[in-house]
Amino acid sequence: MHPTSNKNQELITNLKKRTKLMTENSDNQNKINVDLTARPINIPIEENSLINNNTLNNNIHNIIKQNQKEENINNNLDDFEQQNYGASYTENIKEVYDKAPNLEIEILNSFILPKGKIIKIDPLGMTENSLRRKKDGFTYFGYEENDNEIDFLIKPKDDNFENKFIGRHFQIRFNPEDLNYYIMDCGFGYGTFMKLINEIQIKDNFLINIGNSYIVCAFEYDDNVLNSQPNEKLLNLKVFTGDTKSSNAIFNSDEQKLILIGRDSDCDVIIEDSLLSRIHCCIIYKDDVGWIIKDGRISEDNKERPSTNGTWLFLINETLIFNGMIFKANQSLFRCHYRNKN
């Protein structure tokens, strides 16, 4: 058994059981060819809409959320903040309150929320119309019948999904130590994904969403060695679609330092998905960093060419919010802005 967390192991195992992939043989054993042309889309897609083109499949998200419920935030725990950050956490925030920035969350596009609405957050929490009415440094987004567990309501558009998605969907926390805000998925809803703007270093069991596909980036372990460390030169890409099984390929950085992913026949991972660009994203091995992933490609004229619909990272862990950051959750697209109090 690879020494990874139970959460990630169960995620991969269940995705293998529930996803369906059609593969074709290739002369290059590292090539993956995926056909999505017959795959149903559960949520309506509108042309030229970023959020709709990247709406995530309900079945996949049910699997992701099921695997996070036990190990992520306990949505029914009233004193979660005190247990994890200490009783003095709020007092620490108050000490730096005046010099800390505020955060604005802009709704760029949504099936269920008013486009253009600004959600205002300061270091102690949501500043206006909070349902939870607590000033503890946390802001929770989601859907609850009694509203006392969340600050901002995101009610599913389809009433059939209400019971399935009851709970905290994602949280934003202010950190008094570095005066920044952090975001993390909480284990319910459609999942919380950040749009990649710059390249990012790959960590074990990263979950990436592109179009209607999911890719788990995992390092290889030595099964014959107990508690072995991952060989970060060997990257296993596992592509998931549909309802039954997956396909994967292992890339060795000693032999190949560039991996192209997209619809083009020259890609190393070929996915026949109309929502993907010809070269949608690329993975590069850098000797001083390791494997990194970036959206789009670098053209022959040495210019960066981003993909049309973006490359998205699942926020399973707390992630620093940067100015202009774009993320999607619950059929909605958001953008973050830091604002000085003055």
C-alpha atoms as a PDB file:
ATOM      1  CA  MET A   1       0.000   0.000   0.000  1.00  0.00           C
ATOM      2  CA  HIS A   2       1.385   3.372  -0.924  1.00  0.00           C
ATOM      3  CA  PRO A   3       1.859   5.570   2.135  1.00  0.00           C
ATOM      4  CA  THR A   4      -0.608   8.240   1.035  1.00  0.00           C
ATOM      5  CA  SER A   5      -3.600   9.502   3.001  1.00  0.00           C
ATOM      6  CA  ASN A   6      -6.734   7.382   3.200  1.00  0.00           C
ATOM      7  CA  LYS A   7      -8.659  10.252   1.693  1.00  0.00           C
ATOM      8  CA  ASN A   8      -6.628  10.291  -1.516  1.00  0.00           C
ATOM      9  CA  GLN A   9      -6.473   6.500  -1.710  1.00  0.00           C
ATOM     10  CA  GLU A  10     -10.248   6.200  -1.438  1.00  0.00           C
ATOM     11  CA  LEU A  11     -10.693   9.009  -3.959  1.00  0.00           C
ATOM     12  CA  ILE A  12      -8.608   7.188  -6.550  1.00  0.00           C
ATOM     13  CA  THR A  13     -10.189   3.794  -5.785  1.00  0.00           C
ATOM     14  CA  ASN A  14     -13.735   5.080  -6.059  1.00  0.00           C
ATOM     15  CA  LEU A  15     -13.025   7.094  -9.168  1.00  0.00           C
ATOM     16  CA  LYS A  16     -11.710   3.938 -10.814  1.00  0.00           C
ATOM     17  CA  LYS A  17     -14.971   2.191  -9.990  1.00  0.00           C
ATOM     18  CA  ARG A  18     -17.246   5.033 -11.094  1.00  0.00           C
ATOM     19  CA  THR A  19     -15.561   6.557 -14.121  1.00  0.00           C
ATOM     20  CA  LYS A  20     -15.618   5.342 -17.694  1.00  0.00           C
ATOM     21  CA  LEU A  21     -12.745   5.725 -20.128  1.00  0.00           C
ATOM     22  CA  MET A  22     -12.306   4.539 -23.704  1.00  0.00           C
ATOM     23  CA  THR A  23      -8.649   4.066 -24.647  1.00  0.00           C
ATOM     24  CA  GLU A  24      -6.949   3.332 -27.933  1.00  0.00           C
ATOM     25  CA  ASN A  25      -3.618   1.636 -28.572  1.00  0.00           C
ATOM     26  CA  SER A  26      -0.691   3.815 -29.534  1.00  0.00           C
ATOM     27  CA  ASP A  27       2.874   3.225 -30.640  1.00  0.00           C
ATOM     28  CA  ASN A  28       3.954   5.332 -27.664  1.00  0.00           C
ATOM     29  CA  GLN A  29       3.081   3.422 -24.484  1.00  0.00           C
ATOM     30  CA  ASN A  30       2.887   6.706 -22.566  1.00  0.00           C
ATOM     31  CA  LYS A  31       0.077   8.064 -24.703  1.00  0.00           C
ATOM     32  CA  ILE A  32      -3.470   8.124 -23.391  1.00  0.00           C
ATOM     33  CA  ASN A  33      -6.318   8.541 -25.821  1.00  0.00           C
ATOM     34  CA  VAL A  34      -9.725   9.315 -24.319  1.00  0.00           C
ATOM     35  CA  ASP A  35     -13.040   9.552 -26.150  1.00  0.00           C
ATOM     36  CA  LEU A  36     -15.698  11.686 -24.462  1.00  0.00           C
ATOM     37  CA  THR A  37     -17.994  12.178 -27.422  1.00  0.00           C
ATOM     38  CA  ALA A  38     -20.747   9.935 -26.040  1.00  0.00           C
ATOM     39  CA  ARG A  39     -20.529  11.121 -22.436  1.00  0.00           C
ATOM     40  CA  PRO A  40     -23.685  12.834 -21.094  1.00  0.00           C
ATOM     41  CA  ILE A  41     -23.437  16.252 -19.469  1.00  0.00           C
ATOM     42  CA  ASN A  42     -25.666  16.564 -16.419  1.00  0.00           C
ATOM     43  CA  ILE A  43     -25.745  20.370 -16.274  1.00  0.00           C
ATOM     44  CA  PRO A  44     -26.690  22.539 -19.260  1.00  0.00           C
ATOM     45  CA  ILE A  45     -23.743  24.106 -21.063  1.00  0.00           C
ATOM     46  CA  GLU A  46     -23.977  27.479 -22.730  1.00  0.00           C
ATOM     47  CA  GLU A  47     -21.530  28.484 -25.418  1.00  0.00           C
ATOM     48  CA  ASN A  48     -18.808  31.041 -24.668  1.00  0.00           C
ATOM     49  CA  SER A  49     -19.442  30.910 -20.928  1.00  0.00           C
ATOM     50  CA  LEU A  50     -16.400  30.049 -18.823  1.00  0.00           C
ATOM     51  CA  ILE A  51     -18.298  28.756 -15.839  1.00  0.00           C
ATOM     52  CA  ASN A  52     -20.752  26.713 -17.860  1.00  0.00           C
ATOM     53  CA  ASN A  53     -18.070  25.212 -20.053  1.00  0.00           C
ATOM     54  CA  ASN A  54     -16.301  24.023 -16.911  1.00  0.00           C
ATOM     55  CA  THR A  55     -19.294  22.871 -14.901  1.00  0.00           C
ATOM     56  CA  LEU A  56     -18.281  19.692 -13.120  1.00  0.00           C
ATOM     57  CA  ASN A  57     -19.976  16.343 -13.446  1.00  0.00           C
ATOM     58  CA  ASN A  58     -22.281  15.495 -10.528  1.00  0.00           C
ATOM     59  CA  ASN A  59     -21.211  11.863 -10.277  1.00  0.00           C
ATOM     60  CA  ILE A  60     -17.522  12.705  -9.958  1.00  0.00           C
ATOM     61  CA  HIS A  61     -18.218  15.336  -7.328  1.00  0.00           C
ATOM     62  CA  ASN A  62     -20.338  13.007  -5.259  1.00  0.00           C
ATOM     63  CA  ILE A  63     -17.340  10.712  -5.081  1.00  0.00           C
ATOM     64  CA  ILE A  64     -14.961  13.519  -4.143  1.00  0.00           C
ATOM     65  CA  LYS A  65     -17.255  14.826  -1.429  1.00  0.00           C
ATOM     66  CA  GLN A  66     -17.919  11.374   0.015  1.00  0.00           C
ATOM     67  CA  ASN A  67     -14.216  10.822   0.498  1.00  0.00           C
ATOM     68  CA  GLN A  68     -13.709  14.126   2.268  1.00  0.00           C
ATOM     69  CA  LYS A  69     -16.484  14.096   4.820  1.00  0.00           C
ATOM     70  CA  GLU A  70     -14.545  12.231   7.499  1.00  0.00           C
ATOM     71  CA  GLU A  71     -11.159  13.884   7.097  1.00  0.00           C
ATOM     72  CA  ASN A  72     -12.069  17.451   6.222  1.00  0.00           C
ATOM     73  CA  ILE A  73     -13.988  20.024   8.250  1.00  0.00           C
ATOM     74  CA  ASN A  74     -16.690  18.601  10.464  1.00  0.00           C
ATOM     75  CA  ASN A  75     -19.713  20.587   9.318  1.00  0.00           C
ATOM     76  CA  ASN A  76     -21.587  19.920  12.569  1.00  0.00           C
ATOM     77  CA  LEU A  77     -18.820  20.888  14.991  1.00  0.00           C
ATOM     78  CA  ASP A  78     -19.619  24.200  16.690  1.00  0.00           C
ATOM     79  CA  ASP A  79     -16.172  24.689  18.227  1.00  0.00           C
ATOM     80  CA  PHE A  80     -14.124  23.652  15.174  1.00  0.00           C
ATOM     81  CA  GLU A  81     -12.259  26.956  15.126  1.00  0.00           C
ATOM     82  CA  GLN A  82     -11.242  26.742  18.785  1.00  0.00           C
ATOM     83  CA  GLN A  83     -10.155  23.108  18.529  1.00  0.00           C
ATOM     84  CA  ASN A  84      -7.966  23.714  15.492  1.00  0.00           C
ATOM     85  CA  TYR A  85      -6.625  27.209  16.078  1.00  0.00           C
ATOM     86  CA  GLY A  86      -6.912  27.772  19.816  1.00  0.00           C
ATOM     87  CA  ALA A  87      -9.173  29.906  21.943  1.00  0.00           C
ATOM     88  CA  SER A  88      -6.934  32.965  21.452  1.00  0.00           C
ATOM     89  CA  TYR A  89      -7.264  32.885  17.662  1.00  0.00           C
ATOM     90  CA  THR A  90      -9.894  35.641  17.505  1.00  0.00           C
ATOM     91  CA  GLU A  91      -7.902  37.804  19.904  1.00  0.00           C
ATOM     92  CA  ASN A  92      -4.851  37.464  17.645  1.00  0.00           C
ATOM     93  CA  ILE A  93      -6.949  38.685  14.731  1.00  0.00           C
ATOM     94  CA  LYS A  94      -8.172  41.707  16.656  1.00  0.00           C
ATOM     95  CA  GLU A  95      -4.574  42.718  17.401  1.00  0.00           C
ATOM     96  CA  VAL A  96      -3.751  43.027  13.677  1.00  0.00           C
ATOM     97  CA  TYR A  97      -7.224  44.032  12.470  1.00  0.00           C
ATOM     98  CA  ASP A  98      -6.432  47.666  11.665  1.00  0.00           C
ATOM     99  CA  LYS A  99      -3.434  46.906   9.461  1.00  0.00           C
ATOM    100  CA  ALA A 100      -4.947  43.891   7.695  1.00  0.00           C
ATOM    101  CA  PRO A 101      -6.640  44.149   4.275  1.00  0.00           C
ATOM    102  CA  ASN A 102     -10.243  43.288   3.539  1.00  0.00           C
ATOM    103  CA  LEU A 103     -11.315  40.789   0.894  1.00  0.00           C
ATOM    104  CA  GLU A 104     -14.008  41.129  -1.739  1.00  0.00           C
ATOM    105  CA  ILE A 105     -15.424  38.096  -3.555  1.00  0.00           C
ATOM    106  CA  GLU A 106     -17.001  39.048  -6.875  1.00  0.00           C
ATOM    107  CA  ILE A 107     -19.534  36.739  -8.523  1.00  0.00           C
ATOM    108  CA  LEU A 108     -18.464  36.655 -12.181  1.00  0.00           C
ATOM    109  CA  ASN A 109     -21.029  34.164 -13.418  1.00  0.00           C
ATOM    110  CA  SER A 110     -23.503  31.776 -11.830  1.00  0.00           C
ATOM    111  CA  PHE A 111     -26.536  29.597 -12.390  1.00  0.00           C
ATOM    112  CA  ILE A 112     -27.868  30.402  -8.910  1.00  0.00           C
ATOM    113  CA  LEU A 113     -26.275  33.632  -7.605  1.00  0.00           C
ATOM    114  CA  PRO A 114     -26.697  37.222  -8.843  1.00  0.00           C
ATOM    115  CA  LYS A 115     -23.933  38.101 -11.301  1.00  0.00           C
ATOM    116  CA  GLY A 116     -21.835  41.064 -10.188  1.00  0.00           C
ATOM    117  CA  LYS A 117     -22.667  40.745  -6.480  1.00  0.00           C
ATOM    118  CA  ILE A 118     -19.771  41.569  -4.130  1.00  0.00           C
ATOM    119  CA  ILE A 119     -19.322  39.565  -0.933  1.00  0.00           C
ATOM    120  CA  LYS A 120     -17.339  41.629   1.573  1.00  0.00           C
ATOM    121  CA  ILE A 121     -15.074  39.964   4.134  1.00  0.00           C
ATOM    122  CA  ASP A 122     -12.810  41.494   6.751  1.00  0.00           C
ATOM    123  CA  PRO A 123     -10.337  39.680   9.055  1.00  0.00           C
ATOM    124  CA  LEU A 124     -13.119  38.700  11.473  1.00  0.00           C
ATOM    125  CA  GLY A 125     -15.467  37.357   8.799  1.00  0.00           C
ATOM    126  CA  MET A 126     -18.279  38.381   6.476  1.00  0.00           C
ATOM    127  CA  THR A 127     -19.153  42.034   7.093  1.00  0.00           C
ATOM    128  CA  GLU A 128     -22.743  42.175   5.812  1.00  0.00           C
ATOM    129  CA  ASN A 129     -25.752  39.846   6.084  1.00  0.00           C
ATOM    130  CA  SER A 130     -23.894  36.887   7.569  1.00  0.00           C
ATOM    131  CA  LEU A 131     -26.294  34.076   8.446  1.00  0.00           C
ATOM    132  CA  ARG A 132     -23.965  32.573  11.072  1.00  0.00           C
ATOM    133  CA  ARG A 133     -23.310  35.973  12.682  1.00  0.00           C
ATOM    134  CA  LYS A 134     -19.978  34.998  14.195  1.00  0.00           C
ATOM    135  CA  LYS A 135     -16.794  37.082  14.176  1.00  0.00           C
ATOM    136  CA  ASP A 136     -14.151  34.367  14.413  1.00  0.00           C
ATOM    137  CA  GLY A 137     -11.990  34.825  11.296  1.00  0.00           C
ATOM    138  CA  PHE A 138     -13.912  32.286   9.208  1.00  0.00           C
ATOM    139  CA  THR A 139     -16.469  32.709   6.423  1.00  0.00           C
ATOM    140  CA  TYR A 140     -18.399  29.601   5.380  1.00  0.00           C
ATOM    141  CA  PHE A 141     -20.251  29.207   2.084  1.00  0.00           C
ATOM    142  CA  GLY A 142     -22.823  26.476   1.548  1.00  0.00           C
ATOM    143  CA  TYR A 143     -26.355  25.313   2.149  1.00  0.00           C
ATOM    144  CA  GLU A 144     -27.962  24.553   5.519  1.00  0.00           C
ATOM    145  CA  GLU A 145     -31.606  24.211   6.441  1.00  0.00           C
ATOM    146  CA  ASN A 146     -31.123  26.127   9.704  1.00  0.00           C
ATOM    147  CA  ASP A 147     -28.490  28.569   8.359  1.00  0.00           C
ATOM    148  CA  ASN A 148     -26.521  28.608  11.638  1.00  0.00           C
ATOM    149  CA  GLU A 149     -23.521  26.779  10.189  1.00  0.00           C
ATOM    150  CA  ILE A 150     -22.874  29.053   7.191  1.00  0.00           C
ATOM    151  CA  ASP A 151     -22.383  32.737   6.459  1.00  0.00           C
ATOM    152  CA  PHE A 152     -23.335  32.875   2.783  1.00  0.00           C
ATOM    153  CA  LEU A 153     -26.128  30.758   1.316  1.00  0.00           C
ATOM    154  CA  ILE A 154     -25.597  28.900  -1.954  1.00  0.00           C
ATOM    155  CA  LYS A 155     -28.793  26.965  -2.580  1.00  0.00           C
ATOM    156  CA  PRO A 156     -28.687  24.337  -5.348  1.00  0.00           C
ATOM    157  CA  LYS A 157     -30.673  25.271  -8.434  1.00  0.00           C
ATOM    158  CA  ASP A 158     -32.163  21.781  -8.608  1.00  0.00           C
ATOM    159  CA  ASP A 159     -34.261  20.956  -5.530  1.00  0.00           C
ATOM    160  CA  ASN A 160     -33.359  17.275  -5.995  1.00  0.00           C
ATOM    161  CA  PHE A 161     -29.794  18.052  -4.886  1.00  0.00           C
ATOM    162  CA  GLU A 162     -30.675  19.985  -1.729  1.00  0.00           C
ATOM    163  CA  ASN A 163     -30.347  17.096   0.726  1.00  0.00           C
ATOM    164  CA  LYS A 164     -27.266  15.774  -1.019  1.00  0.00           C
ATOM    165  CA  PHE A 165     -25.357  19.043  -0.703  1.00  0.00           C
ATOM    166  CA  ILE A 166     -26.360  20.197   2.783  1.00  0.00           C
ATOM    167  CA  GLY A 167     -23.286  21.445   4.607  1.00  0.00           C
ATOM    168  CA  ARG A 168     -20.358  23.811   4.304  1.00  0.00           C
ATOM    169  CA  HIS A 169     -19.106  23.846   0.719  1.00  0.00           C
ATOM    170  CA  PHE A 170     -15.976  25.947   1.160  1.00  0.00           C
ATOM    171  CA  GLN A 171     -14.419  28.269   3.704  1.00  0.00           C
ATOM    172  CA  ILE A 172     -12.305  31.410   3.701  1.00  0.00           C
ATOM    173  CA  ARG A 173     -10.043  31.991   6.708  1.00  0.00           C
ATOM    174  CA  PHE A 174      -7.980  35.018   7.668  1.00  0.00           C
ATOM    175  CA  ASN A 175      -4.484  34.239   8.947  1.00  0.00           C
ATOM    176  CA  PRO A 176      -3.289  36.818  11.495  1.00  0.00           C
ATOM    177  CA  GLU A 177       0.323  35.661  11.155  1.00  0.00           C
ATOM    178  CA  ASP A 178       0.822  36.722   7.520  1.00  0.00           C
ATOM    179  CA  LEU A 179      -2.287  38.945   7.080  1.00  0.00           C
ATOM    180  CA  ASN A 180      -3.550  36.861   4.165  1.00  0.00           C
ATOM    181  CA  TYR A 181      -6.754  34.992   3.418  1.00  0.00           C
ATOM    182  CA  TYR A 182      -6.923  31.274   2.629  1.00  0.00           C
ATOM    183  CA  ILE A 183      -9.555  29.156   0.896  1.00  0.00           C
ATOM    184  CA  MET A 184     -10.328  25.435   1.214  1.00  0.00           C
ATOM    185  CA  ASP A 185     -13.008  23.026   0.059  1.00  0.00           C
ATOM    186  CA  CYS A 186     -15.099  21.684   2.951  1.00  0.00           C
ATOM    187  CA  GLY A 187     -16.377  18.442   1.495  1.00  0.00           C
ATOM    188  CA  PHE A 188     -19.881  19.204   0.217  1.00  0.00           C
ATOM    189  CA  GLY A 189     -21.351  20.639  -2.979  1.00  0.00           C
ATOM    190  CA  TYR A 190     -19.790  20.506  -6.431  1.00  0.00           C
ATOM    191  CA  GLY A 191     -16.232  21.015  -5.220  1.00  0.00           C
ATOM    192  CA  THR A 192     -14.015  24.093  -5.113  1.00  0.00           C
ATOM    193  CA  PHE A 193     -11.444  24.557  -7.901  1.00  0.00           C
ATOM    194  CA  MET A 194      -8.904  27.327  -8.475  1.00  0.00           C
ATOM    195  CA  LYS A 195      -8.051  28.472 -11.980  1.00  0.00           C
ATOM    196  CA  LEU A 196      -4.344  28.161 -12.718  1.00  0.00           C
ATOM    197  CA  ILE A 197      -2.881  31.525 -13.693  1.00  0.00           C
ATOM    198  CA  ASN A 198       0.786  30.747 -13.122  1.00  0.00           C
ATOM    199  CA  GLU A 199       2.626  27.464 -13.100  1.00  0.00           C
ATOM    200  CA  ILE A 200       2.327  25.462  -9.881  1.00  0.00           C
ATOM    201  CA  GLN A 201       4.442  22.663  -8.453  1.00  0.00           C
ATOM    202  CA  ILE A 202       2.718  19.285  -8.527  1.00  0.00           C
ATOM    203  CA  LYS A 203       2.237  17.498  -5.227  1.00  0.00           C
ATOM    204  CA  ASP A 204       1.259  13.886  -4.706  1.00  0.00           C
ATOM    205  CA  ASN A 205      -2.355  13.167  -5.681  1.00  0.00           C
ATOM    206  CA  PHE A 206      -3.147  16.587  -7.116  1.00  0.00           C
ATOM    207  CA  LEU A 207      -6.604  16.543  -8.692  1.00  0.00           C
ATOM    208  CA  ILE A 208      -6.922  18.613 -11.871  1.00  0.00           C
ATOM    209  CA  ASN A 209     -10.106  19.396 -13.806  1.00  0.00           C
ATOM    210  CA  ILE A 210     -10.012  20.265 -17.507  1.00  0.00           C
ATOM    211  CA  GLY A 211     -13.232  20.398 -19.487  1.00  0.00           C
ATOM    212  CA  ASN A 212     -15.236  17.296 -18.565  1.00  0.00           C
ATOM    213  CA  SER A 213     -12.178  15.326 -17.471  1.00  0.00           C
ATOM    214  CA  TYR A 214     -10.193  14.827 -14.285  1.00  0.00           C
ATOM    215  CA  ILE A 215      -6.521  14.014 -13.921  1.00  0.00           C
ATOM    216  CA  VAL A 216      -4.889  12.735 -10.734  1.00  0.00           C
ATOM    217  CA  CYS A 217      -1.153  13.432 -10.659  1.00  0.00           C
ATOM    218  CA  ALA A 218       0.510  10.857  -8.407  1.00  0.00           C
ATOM    219  CA  PHE A 219       4.123   9.962  -7.713  1.00  0.00           C
ATOM    220  CA  GLU A 220       5.243   6.345  -7.877  1.00  0.00           C
ATOM    221  CA  TYR A 221       6.208   4.356  -4.784  1.00  0.00           C
ATOM    222  CA  ASP A 222       8.205   1.164  -4.342  1.00  0.00           C
ATOM    223  CA  ASP A 223       5.594  -1.433  -3.339  1.00  0.00           C
ATOM    224  CA  ASN A 224       8.321  -3.760  -2.090  1.00  0.00           C
ATOM    225  CA  VAL A 225       9.608  -1.266   0.474  1.00  0.00           C
ATOM    226  CA  LEU A 226       7.581  -0.556   3.614  1.00  0.00           C
ATOM    227  CA  ASN A 227       6.888   3.167   4.134  1.00  0.00           C
ATOM    228  CA  SER A 228       8.877   4.038   1.028  1.00  0.00           C
ATOM    229  CA  GLN A 229       9.214   7.653  -0.056  1.00  0.00           C
ATOM    230  CA  PRO A 230       7.701   8.701  -3.381  1.00  0.00           C
ATOM    231  CA  ASN A 231       9.968   8.763  -6.409  1.00  0.00           C
ATOM    232  CA  GLU A 232       9.145  12.253  -7.610  1.00  0.00           C
ATOM    233  CA  LYS A 233      10.842  11.642 -10.942  1.00  0.00           C
ATOM    234  CA  LEU A 234       8.141   9.114 -11.825  1.00  0.00           C
ATOM    235  CA  LEU A 235       4.792  10.802 -12.432  1.00  0.00           C
ATOM    236  CA  ASN A 236       1.668   8.691 -12.866  1.00  0.00           C
ATOM    237  CA  LEU A 237      -1.148  10.513 -14.671  1.00  0.00           C
ATOM    238  CA  LYS A 238      -4.577   8.946 -14.146  1.00  0.00           C
ATOM    239  CA  VAL A 239      -7.340  10.253 -16.405  1.00  0.00           C
ATOM    240  CA  PHE A 240     -10.968   9.853 -15.293  1.00  0.00           C
ATOM    241  CA  THR A 241     -14.188  10.275 -17.239  1.00  0.00           C
ATOM    242  CA  GLY A 242     -17.593   8.621 -17.345  1.00  0.00           C
ATOM    243  CA  ASP A 243     -18.736   5.918 -14.928  1.00  0.00           C
ATOM    244  CA  THR A 244     -16.523   2.817 -14.815  1.00  0.00           C
ATOM    245  CA  LYS A 245     -12.737   2.838 -15.160  1.00  0.00           C
ATOM    246  CA  SER A 246      -9.638   4.896 -15.753  1.00  0.00           C
ATOM    247  CA  SER A 247      -6.454   4.872 -17.787  1.00  0.00           C
ATOM    248  CA  ASN A 248      -3.000   5.942 -16.726  1.00  0.00           C
ATOM    249  CA  ALA A 249       0.558   6.376 -17.955  1.00  0.00           C
ATOM    250  CA  ILE A 250       3.828   6.814 -16.071  1.00  0.00           C
ATOM    251  CA  PHE A 251       6.338   9.438 -17.175  1.00  0.00           C
ATOM    252  CA  ASN A 252      10.004   9.355 -16.167  1.00  0.00           C
ATOM    253  CA  SER A 253      11.721  12.735 -15.961  1.00  0.00           C
ATOM    254  CA  ASP A 254      15.030  11.130 -16.994  1.00  0.00           C
ATOM    255  CA  GLU A 255      13.436  10.269 -20.338  1.00  0.00           C
ATOM    256  CA  GLN A 256      10.801  12.968 -20.854  1.00  0.00           C
ATOM    257  CA  LYS A 257      10.595  16.431 -19.299  1.00  0.00           C
ATOM    258  CA  LEU A 258       7.582  17.807 -21.213  1.00  0.00           C
ATOM    259  CA  ILE A 259       4.071  16.302 -21.205  1.00  0.00           C
ATOM    260  CA  LEU A 260       1.419  17.858 -23.437  1.00  0.00           C
ATOM    261  CA  ILE A 261      -2.282  17.338 -22.632  1.00  0.00           C
ATOM    262  CA  GLY A 262      -5.174  18.182 -24.958  1.00  0.00           C
ATOM    263  CA  ARG A 263      -7.091  17.182 -28.097  1.00  0.00           C
ATOM    264  CA  ASP A 264      -4.170  17.369 -30.534  1.00  0.00           C
ATOM    265  CA  SER A 265      -2.799  14.095 -31.903  1.00  0.00           C
ATOM    266  CA  ASP A 266       0.720  15.212 -30.968  1.00  0.00           C
ATOM    267  CA  CYS A 267      -0.170  15.415 -27.262  1.00  0.00           C
ATOM    268  CA  ASP A 268       1.131  12.809 -24.843  1.00  0.00           C
ATOM    269  CA  VAL A 269      -2.287  12.645 -23.164  1.00  0.00           C
ATOM    270  CA  ILE A 270      -4.995  12.893 -25.829  1.00  0.00           C
ATOM    271  CA  ILE A 271      -8.534  13.606 -24.629  1.00  0.00           C
ATOM    272  CA  GLU A 272     -11.298  13.924 -27.218  1.00  0.00           C
ATOM    273  CA  ASP A 273     -13.288  16.513 -25.307  1.00  0.00           C
ATOM    274  CA  SER A 274     -14.844  19.439 -27.193  1.00  0.00           C
ATOM    275  CA  LEU A 275     -14.261  21.701 -24.180  1.00  0.00           C
ATOM    276  CA  LEU A 276     -10.494  21.250 -24.376  1.00  0.00           C
ATOM    277  CA  SER A 277      -8.010  23.226 -26.444  1.00  0.00           C
ATOM    278  CA  ARG A 278      -5.729  21.432 -28.889  1.00  0.00           C
ATOM    279  CA  ILE A 279      -2.942  21.743 -26.343  1.00  0.00           C
ATOM    280  CA  HIS A 280      -4.845  22.486 -23.156  1.00  0.00           C
ATOM    281  CA  CYS A 281      -2.123  22.343 -20.514  1.00  0.00           C
ATOM    282  CA  CYS A 282       1.388  21.025 -20.085  1.00  0.00           C
ATOM    283  CA  ILE A 283       3.453  19.405 -17.363  1.00  0.00           C
ATOM    284  CA  ILE A 284       7.164  20.180 -17.221  1.00  0.00           C
ATOM    285  CA  TYR A 285       9.977  18.712 -15.127  1.00  0.00           C
ATOM    286  CA  LYS A 286      12.458  21.247 -13.746  1.00  0.00           C
ATOM    287  CA  ASP A 287      15.576  19.940 -12.056  1.00  0.00           C
ATOM    288  CA  ASP A 288      15.434  22.500  -9.241  1.00  0.00           C
ATOM    289  CA  VAL A 289      11.685  22.226  -8.616  1.00  0.00           C
ATOM    290  CA  GLY A 290      10.324  18.927  -9.898  1.00  0.00           C
ATOM    291  CA  TRP A 291       7.147  18.507 -11.928  1.00  0.00           C
ATOM    292  CA  ILE A 292       5.084  21.645 -12.504  1.00  0.00           C
ATOM    293  CA  ILE A 293       1.799  22.113 -14.347  1.00  0.00           C
ATOM    294  CA  LYS A 294       0.718  25.183 -16.272  1.00  0.00           C
ATOM    295  CA  ASP A 295      -2.308  26.093 -18.316  1.00  0.00           C
ATOM    296  CA  GLY A 296      -1.992  26.355 -22.096  1.00  0.00           C
ATOM    297  CA  ARG A 297       1.247  26.133 -24.030  1.00  0.00           C
ATOM    298  CA  ILE A 298       4.189  28.132 -25.320  1.00  0.00           C
ATOM    299  CA  SER A 299       3.872  28.776 -29.044  1.00  0.00           C
ATOM    300  CA  GLU A 300       6.614  28.727 -31.646  1.00  0.00           C
ATOM    301  CA  ASP A 301       7.015  32.505 -31.296  1.00  0.00           C
ATOM    302  CA  ASN A 302       7.759  31.946 -27.583  1.00  0.00           C
ATOM    303  CA  LYS A 303       4.452  33.435 -26.410  1.00  0.00           C
ATOM    304  CA  GLU A 304       2.240  31.843 -23.815  1.00  0.00           C
ATOM    305  CA  ARG A 305      -1.087  30.648 -25.204  1.00  0.00           C
ATOM    306  CA  PRO A 306      -3.661  29.958 -22.467  1.00  0.00           C
ATOM    307  CA  SER A 307      -6.391  27.380 -22.971  1.00  0.00           C
ATOM    308  CA  THR A 308      -9.913  28.530 -23.749  1.00  0.00           C
ATOM    309  CA  ASN A 309     -11.649  27.069 -20.702  1.00  0.00           C
ATOM    310  CA  GLY A 310      -8.850  26.930 -18.164  1.00  0.00           C
ATOM    311  CA  THR A 311      -7.050  24.381 -16.016  1.00  0.00           C
ATOM    312  CA  TRP A 312      -8.424  23.992 -12.489  1.00  0.00           C
ATOM    313  CA  LEU A 313      -6.893  22.667  -9.252  1.00  0.00           C
ATOM    314  CA  PHE A 314      -9.079  21.048  -6.592  1.00  0.00           C
ATOM    315  CA  LEU A 315      -8.598  22.915  -3.290  1.00  0.00           C
ATOM    316  CA  ILE A 316      -8.438  19.944  -0.961  1.00  0.00           C
ATOM    317  CA  ASN A 317      -6.039  21.865   1.318  1.00  0.00           C
ATOM    318  CA  GLU A 318      -5.916  25.474   2.431  1.00  0.00           C
ATOM    319  CA  THR A 319      -4.630  27.619  -0.428  1.00  0.00           C
ATOM    320  CA  LEU A 320      -3.417  31.212  -0.277  1.00  0.00           C
ATOM    321  CA  ILE A 321      -5.808  33.649  -1.954  1.00  0.00           C
ATOM    322  CA  PHE A 322      -3.968  36.067  -4.250  1.00  0.00           C
ATOM    323  CA  ASN A 323      -5.316  39.278  -5.715  1.00  0.00           C
ATOM    324  CA  GLY A 324      -7.294  38.470  -8.870  1.00  0.00           C
ATOM    325  CA  MET A 325      -7.591  34.769  -8.054  1.00  0.00           C
ATOM    326  CA  ILE A 326     -10.461  33.018  -9.861  1.00  0.00           C
ATOM    327  CA  PHE A 327     -12.171  29.958  -8.431  1.00  0.00           C
ATOM    328  CA  LYS A 328     -15.365  28.036  -9.101  1.00  0.00           C
ATOM    329  CA  ALA A 329     -17.750  26.271  -6.759  1.00  0.00           C
ATOM    330  CA  ASN A 330     -21.401  25.272  -6.852  1.00  0.00           C
ATOM    331  CA  GLN A 331     -22.085  26.239 -10.465  1.00  0.00           C
ATOM    332  CA  SER A 332     -20.625  29.686  -9.824  1.00  0.00           C
ATOM    333  CA  LEU A 333     -17.484  31.542 -10.818  1.00  0.00           C
ATOM    334  CA  PHE A 334     -15.785  33.941  -8.387  1.00  0.00           C
ATOM    335  CA  ARG A 335     -12.897  36.431  -8.422  1.00  0.00           C
ATOM    336  CA  CYS A 336     -11.010  37.684  -5.343  1.00  0.00           C
ATOM    337  CA  HIS A 337      -9.851  41.244  -4.674  1.00  0.00           C
ATOM    338  CA  TYR A 338      -7.777  42.476  -1.740  1.00  0.00           C
ATOM    339  CA  ARG A 339      -8.810  45.946  -0.518  1.00  0.00           C
ATOM    340  CA  ASN A 340      -7.016  48.254   1.897  1.00  0.00           C
ATOM    341  CA  LYS A 341      -9.179  49.621   4.696  1.00  0.00           C
ATOM    342  CA  ASN A 342      -8.247  53.156   3.756  1.00  0.00           C
END
